[in-house]
Amino acid sequence: MILSTCGLKCDECEFYNKTCAGCRNVKGATFWAIEMMPDKVCPLYDCAVNRKGYNDCGDCAELPCETFLQMKDPAISDEEHQRMLTVRIDLLRAGKN
């Protein structure tokens, strides 16, 4: 399993190895961040890795922070977003125990 900084499973993503090489490989400058974010970097990667020096969001005592909760794929429902947040947090914390 290849886990992103925010707990997404890269190797299960339809974009992985097509339009995305994974946030770790592109230092947070994923295709969607380049298109949509003012700084051209995923805010979660920027916070966890660039600013705090963590390996991923799972190292942060503030998980889930407001940014983590608000970063929602517009193509999914609020219910699916909440379910996915739980899965991602569990995956990130599992590696820390």
Protein backbone atom coordinates (compact mmCIF):
# COMPACT_ATOMS: atom_id res chain seq x y z
CA MET A 1 0.00 0.00 0.00
CA ILE A 2 1.30 3.45 -0.95
CA LEU A 3 -0.11 6.02 1.45
CA SER A 4 -0.19 9.74 0.73
CA THR A 5 0.67 12.38 3.30
CA CYS A 6 -3.02 12.77 4.14
CA GLY A 7 -3.88 9.07 4.27
CA LEU A 8 -5.20 8.42 0.79
CA LYS A 9 -4.18 5.12 -0.78
CA CYS A 10 -2.24 6.27 -3.84
CA ASP A 11 -2.11 2.84 -5.44
CA GLU A 12 -5.93 2.65 -5.38
CA CYS A 13 -6.42 6.06 -7.00
CA GLU A 14 -7.48 6.28 -10.64
CA PHE A 15 -4.95 9.07 -11.24
CA TYR A 16 -1.88 7.36 -9.73
CA ASN A 17 0.87 6.79 -12.30
CA LYS A 18 -1.22 8.63 -14.90
CA THR A 19 -1.67 12.31 -14.03
CA CYS A 20 -0.27 11.91 -10.51
CA ALA A 21 2.97 10.37 -9.30
CA GLY A 22 1.91 10.66 -5.67
CA CYS A 23 2.30 13.67 -3.41
CA ARG A 24 5.57 12.45 -1.91
CA ASN A 25 7.17 12.08 -5.34
CA VAL A 26 6.11 15.55 -6.49
CA LYS A 27 6.63 17.25 -3.12
CA GLY A 28 2.95 18.15 -2.81
CA ALA A 29 2.68 19.70 -6.28
CA THR A 30 0.02 17.26 -7.47
CA PHE A 31 -1.83 17.89 -10.72
CA TRP A 32 -4.93 19.17 -8.91
CA ALA A 33 -2.91 21.40 -6.55
CA ILE A 34 -1.11 22.99 -9.49
CA GLU A 35 -4.48 23.73 -11.08
CA MET A 36 -6.44 24.78 -7.99
CA MET A 37 -4.20 25.99 -5.15
CA PRO A 38 -2.69 29.48 -5.03
CA ASP A 39 0.71 28.10 -3.92
CA LYS A 40 0.50 25.16 -6.37
CA VAL A 41 1.04 22.71 -3.49
CA CYS A 42 -1.45 20.64 -1.51
CA PRO A 43 -2.16 22.52 1.74
CA LEU A 44 -2.01 19.28 3.76
CA TYR A 45 1.39 18.31 2.35
CA ASP A 46 2.65 21.85 2.82
CA CYS A 47 1.55 21.94 6.45
CA ALA A 48 2.68 18.47 7.50
CA VAL A 49 5.90 18.08 5.52
CA ASN A 50 7.13 21.54 4.55
CA ARG A 51 6.14 23.58 7.59
CA LYS A 52 6.12 21.05 10.43
CA GLY A 53 8.73 18.58 9.14
CA TYR A 54 6.49 15.55 9.64
CA ASN A 55 6.37 12.45 7.49
CA ASP A 56 2.59 12.76 7.17
CA CYS A 57 -0.51 14.16 8.86
CA GLY A 58 -0.52 11.17 11.22
CA ASP A 59 2.47 12.66 13.07
CA CYS A 60 0.44 15.74 14.00
CA ALA A 61 -1.33 15.96 17.37
CA GLU A 62 -3.96 18.19 15.73
CA LEU A 63 -5.20 15.46 13.35
CA PRO A 64 -7.86 16.00 12.16
CA CYS A 65 -7.31 19.73 11.84
CA GLU A 66 -9.69 22.16 10.17
CA THR A 67 -7.80 22.00 6.85
CA PHE A 68 -7.92 18.20 6.89
CA LEU A 69 -11.66 18.24 7.51
CA GLN A 70 -12.36 20.86 4.84
CA MET A 71 -10.30 19.34 2.00
CA LYS A 72 -13.20 17.60 0.26
CA ASP A 73 -13.38 16.09 -3.20
CA PRO A 74 -16.31 17.96 -4.78
CA ALA A 75 -17.31 14.79 -6.64
CA ILE A 76 -18.31 12.94 -3.45
CA SER A 77 -21.18 13.37 -1.01
CA ASP A 78 -20.77 14.79 2.48
CA GLU A 79 -21.52 11.33 3.88
CA GLU A 80 -18.81 9.69 1.74
CA HIS A 81 -16.38 12.46 2.73
CA GLN A 82 -17.00 11.75 6.43
CA ARG A 83 -16.55 8.01 5.90
CA MET A 84 -13.32 8.56 3.99
CA LEU A 85 -11.98 10.91 6.67
CA THR A 86 -12.41 8.18 9.27
CA VAL A 87 -10.62 5.62 7.09
CA ARG A 88 -7.75 8.00 6.32
CA ILE A 89 -7.27 9.00 9.96
CA ASP A 90 -7.28 5.34 11.00
CA LEU A 91 -4.66 4.51 8.33
CA LEU A 92 -2.44 7.40 9.37
CA ARG A 93 -2.65 6.55 13.06
CA ALA A 94 -2.17 2.80 12.49
CA GLY A 95 1.39 3.41 11.33
CA LYS A 96 2.20 5.32 14.51
CA ASN A 97 1.30 2.62 17.07
